[in-house]
Amino acid sequence: PRRATPPPWPEVTRSGSWIPANVDYESLIGRYGTLVLATISALAAVGLFLSWAMTKGYLGPQQRLALGLITAATLAVAGMRLRRRERSFGDSILGLSLAITHVCAWGAGPALHIVPSWGAFLLAAVVSIALAVFAHAEHDEPLWCVGFSGAAVAPFVTSSGRANLALLAAFGVAVLASAGYA
């Protein structure tokens, strides 16, 4: 006679805790910890390469900005394609693309003065909101949180030191209203 497979263990949570009692910390750290470490390592490698190229005089400000935006766009396309096979990894690549876009916006505006600060802010905000809208349409809550967080920090990333309270308040209301809707 064939043996029936036993039902899986029910997920039990500790009293007053959101963490399940039977959570496997090794796989949790292996799955998400390595992803965070890889993302930080990739950003550090890009930063090290760029600082080396700038020190040697190989890259001027416009070339750095163009290279960064091309890298961000390439990662965004790769993340979209990877989402079909491995959703969490594709989402991480999309989040990395957003982070690089924010770094480029900061470099283009307040740091290198290639474009006005409002133009850098517009770039960071539009890309962040586009990612949040995409994630909302895909019912992908973690990716939506990345897009929302990017939109929330966009004014601070691209700040030139001069504040426009009315513009910041209008942007804050727009971001919070879209967050409430989502």
Protein backbone atom coordinates (compact mmCIF):
# COMPACT_ATOMS: atom_id res chain seq x y z
CA PRO A 1 0.00 0.00 0.00
CA ARG A 2 1.10 3.54 -0.74
CA ARG A 3 1.90 5.75 2.17
CA ALA A 4 0.19 9.08 2.25
CA THR A 5 2.47 12.03 2.77
CA PRO A 6 1.83 13.72 6.06
CA PRO A 7 0.38 17.22 5.94
CA PRO A 8 2.89 20.07 6.36
CA TRP A 9 3.44 21.44 9.81
CA PRO A 10 1.12 24.35 10.53
CA GLU A 11 2.79 27.72 10.80
CA VAL A 12 2.77 28.63 14.46
CA THR A 13 3.55 32.14 15.66
CA ARG A 14 4.82 33.08 19.07
CA SER A 15 2.53 35.10 21.25
CA GLY A 16 3.04 38.80 20.54
CA SER A 17 5.44 38.15 17.64
CA TRP A 18 5.02 38.32 13.89
CA ILE A 19 7.86 35.83 13.35
CA PRO A 20 6.67 32.21 12.93
CA ALA A 21 7.95 29.86 15.64
CA ASN A 22 9.22 27.32 13.11
CA VAL A 23 11.18 29.82 11.01
CA ASP A 24 14.47 28.58 9.57
CA TYR A 25 16.90 31.44 10.23
CA GLU A 26 19.65 29.86 8.16
CA SER A 27 17.59 29.86 4.98
CA LEU A 28 16.16 33.28 5.82
CA ILE A 29 19.65 34.77 6.13
CA GLY A 30 20.85 32.79 3.12
CA ARG A 31 18.00 34.02 0.97
CA TYR A 32 17.80 37.67 1.96
CA GLY A 33 21.10 38.41 3.70
CA THR A 34 23.16 37.39 0.71
CA LEU A 35 20.93 39.45 -1.55
CA VAL A 36 21.53 42.55 0.58
CA LEU A 37 25.27 41.82 0.69
CA ALA A 38 25.39 41.36 -3.09
CA THR A 39 23.55 44.65 -3.67
CA ILE A 40 25.88 46.58 -1.37
CA SER A 41 28.91 44.92 -2.96
CA ALA A 42 27.70 45.83 -6.46
CA LEU A 43 27.17 49.47 -5.47
CA ALA A 44 30.60 49.58 -3.81
CA ALA A 45 32.25 48.07 -6.91
CA VAL A 46 30.60 50.61 -9.19
CA GLY A 47 31.62 53.44 -6.87
CA LEU A 48 35.21 52.19 -6.68
CA PHE A 49 35.47 51.88 -10.46
CA LEU A 50 34.02 55.34 -11.01
CA SER A 51 36.27 56.98 -8.45
CA TRP A 52 39.30 55.30 -10.06
CA ALA A 53 38.22 56.45 -13.54
CA MET A 54 37.62 60.00 -12.28
CA THR A 55 41.00 60.13 -10.53
CA LYS A 56 42.74 59.06 -13.73
CA GLY A 57 40.77 61.61 -15.76
CA TYR A 58 39.04 59.02 -17.98
CA LEU A 59 35.51 60.16 -17.13
CA GLY A 60 34.20 63.69 -17.00
CA PRO A 61 30.95 64.67 -15.29
CA GLN A 62 28.73 64.17 -18.35
CA GLN A 63 30.27 60.78 -19.11
CA ARG A 64 29.76 59.65 -15.51
CA LEU A 65 26.12 60.67 -15.63
CA ALA A 66 25.53 58.97 -18.98
CA LEU A 67 27.28 55.79 -17.84
CA GLY A 68 25.24 55.71 -14.64
CA LEU A 69 21.93 56.21 -16.44
CA ILE A 70 22.80 53.56 -19.03
CA THR A 71 23.68 51.16 -16.20
CA ALA A 72 20.42 51.92 -14.40
CA ALA A 73 18.38 51.42 -17.58
CA THR A 74 20.21 48.16 -18.36
CA LEU A 75 19.56 46.87 -14.85
CA ALA A 76 15.89 47.88 -15.10
CA VAL A 77 15.47 45.91 -18.34
CA ALA A 78 17.34 42.93 -16.84
CA GLY A 79 15.19 43.10 -13.71
CA MET A 80 11.99 43.11 -15.76
CA ARG A 81 13.15 40.08 -17.72
CA LEU A 82 14.31 38.23 -14.60
CA ARG A 83 10.98 38.80 -12.86
CA ARG A 84 9.41 36.25 -15.21
CA ARG A 85 11.62 33.46 -13.85
CA GLU A 86 12.63 34.64 -10.37
CA ARG A 87 10.43 37.40 -9.03
CA SER A 88 12.38 38.28 -5.89
CA PHE A 89 15.73 38.50 -7.70
CA GLY A 90 14.20 40.55 -10.53
CA ASP A 91 12.66 42.89 -7.94
CA SER A 92 16.05 43.30 -6.28
CA ILE A 93 17.63 44.23 -9.61
CA LEU A 94 14.83 46.77 -10.19
CA GLY A 95 15.47 48.22 -6.72
CA LEU A 96 19.20 48.47 -7.50
CA SER A 97 18.33 50.26 -10.73
CA LEU A 98 16.26 52.77 -8.76
CA ALA A 99 19.13 53.32 -6.30
CA ILE A 100 21.57 53.98 -9.15
CA THR A 101 19.07 56.40 -10.72
CA HIS A 102 18.89 58.31 -7.44
CA VAL A 103 22.69 58.46 -7.24
CA CYS A 104 22.76 59.76 -10.83
CA ALA A 105 20.10 62.35 -10.04
CA TRP A 106 22.10 63.54 -7.05
CA GLY A 107 25.25 63.68 -9.16
CA ALA A 108 23.54 65.48 -12.04
CA GLY A 109 21.93 68.11 -9.83
CA PRO A 110 23.44 69.16 -6.53
CA ALA A 111 26.85 67.48 -6.84
CA LEU A 112 28.00 68.21 -10.41
CA HIS A 113 25.50 70.92 -11.47
CA ILE A 114 24.95 69.38 -14.92
CA VAL A 115 21.21 69.99 -14.69
CA PRO A 116 19.23 72.20 -12.32
CA SER A 117 18.24 70.61 -9.02
CA TRP A 118 14.56 70.60 -10.04
CA GLY A 119 15.48 68.54 -13.14
CA ALA A 120 17.36 66.03 -10.99
CA PHE A 121 14.42 65.88 -8.61
CA LEU A 122 12.04 65.33 -11.51
CA LEU A 123 14.14 62.40 -12.76
CA ALA A 124 14.31 60.75 -9.32
CA ALA A 125 10.61 61.29 -8.61
CA VAL A 126 9.35 60.10 -12.00
CA VAL A 127 11.42 56.90 -11.92
CA SER A 128 10.40 56.17 -8.31
CA ILE A 129 6.71 56.77 -8.98
CA ALA A 130 6.84 54.73 -12.20
CA LEU A 131 8.30 51.80 -10.26
CA ALA A 132 5.62 52.13 -7.58
CA VAL A 133 2.84 52.25 -10.20
CA PHE A 134 4.28 49.18 -11.95
CA ALA A 135 4.54 47.29 -8.67
CA HIS A 136 0.97 48.27 -7.76
CA ALA A 137 -0.32 46.99 -11.10
CA GLU A 138 1.63 43.74 -10.58
CA HIS A 139 0.37 43.36 -6.97
CA ASP A 140 3.98 43.23 -5.77
CA GLU A 141 4.00 44.76 -2.30
CA PRO A 142 7.77 44.57 -1.56
CA LEU A 143 8.64 46.20 -4.88
CA TRP A 144 5.95 48.82 -4.29
CA CYS A 145 7.61 49.64 -0.96
CA VAL A 146 10.93 50.15 -2.79
CA GLY A 147 9.29 52.52 -5.29
CA PHE A 148 7.44 54.40 -2.56
CA SER A 149 10.60 54.73 -0.48
CA GLY A 150 12.46 56.06 -3.51
CA ALA A 151 9.75 58.62 -4.12
CA ALA A 152 9.74 59.62 -0.46
CA VAL A 153 13.49 60.27 -0.36
CA ALA A 154 13.75 61.87 -3.83
CA PRO A 155 13.48 65.47 -2.53
CA PHE A 156 16.21 64.83 0.02
CA VAL A 157 18.51 63.02 -2.42
CA THR A 158 18.38 65.89 -4.90
CA SER A 159 18.39 68.74 -2.39
CA SER A 160 20.59 71.68 -3.26
CA GLY A 161 20.28 73.27 0.17
CA ARG A 162 17.63 75.79 -0.85
CA ALA A 163 14.16 74.75 0.27
CA ASN A 164 10.83 75.41 -1.42
CA LEU A 165 8.30 74.53 1.25
CA ALA A 166 5.25 74.72 -1.03
CA LEU A 167 6.78 72.39 -3.62
CA LEU A 168 7.96 69.92 -0.96
CA ALA A 169 4.54 69.93 0.70
CA ALA A 170 2.76 69.37 -2.63
CA PHE A 171 5.08 66.48 -3.46
CA GLY A 172 4.62 65.00 0.02
CA VAL A 173 0.84 65.15 -0.31
CA ALA A 174 1.01 63.52 -3.76
CA VAL A 175 3.26 60.71 -2.53
CA LEU A 176 1.21 60.12 0.61
CA ALA A 177 -2.07 60.23 -1.34
CA SER A 178 -0.80 57.63 -3.80
CA ALA A 179 0.45 55.54 -0.87
CA GLY A 180 -2.95 55.72 0.76
CA TYR A 181 -4.61 54.70 -2.47
CA ALA A 182 -2.27 51.74 -2.91
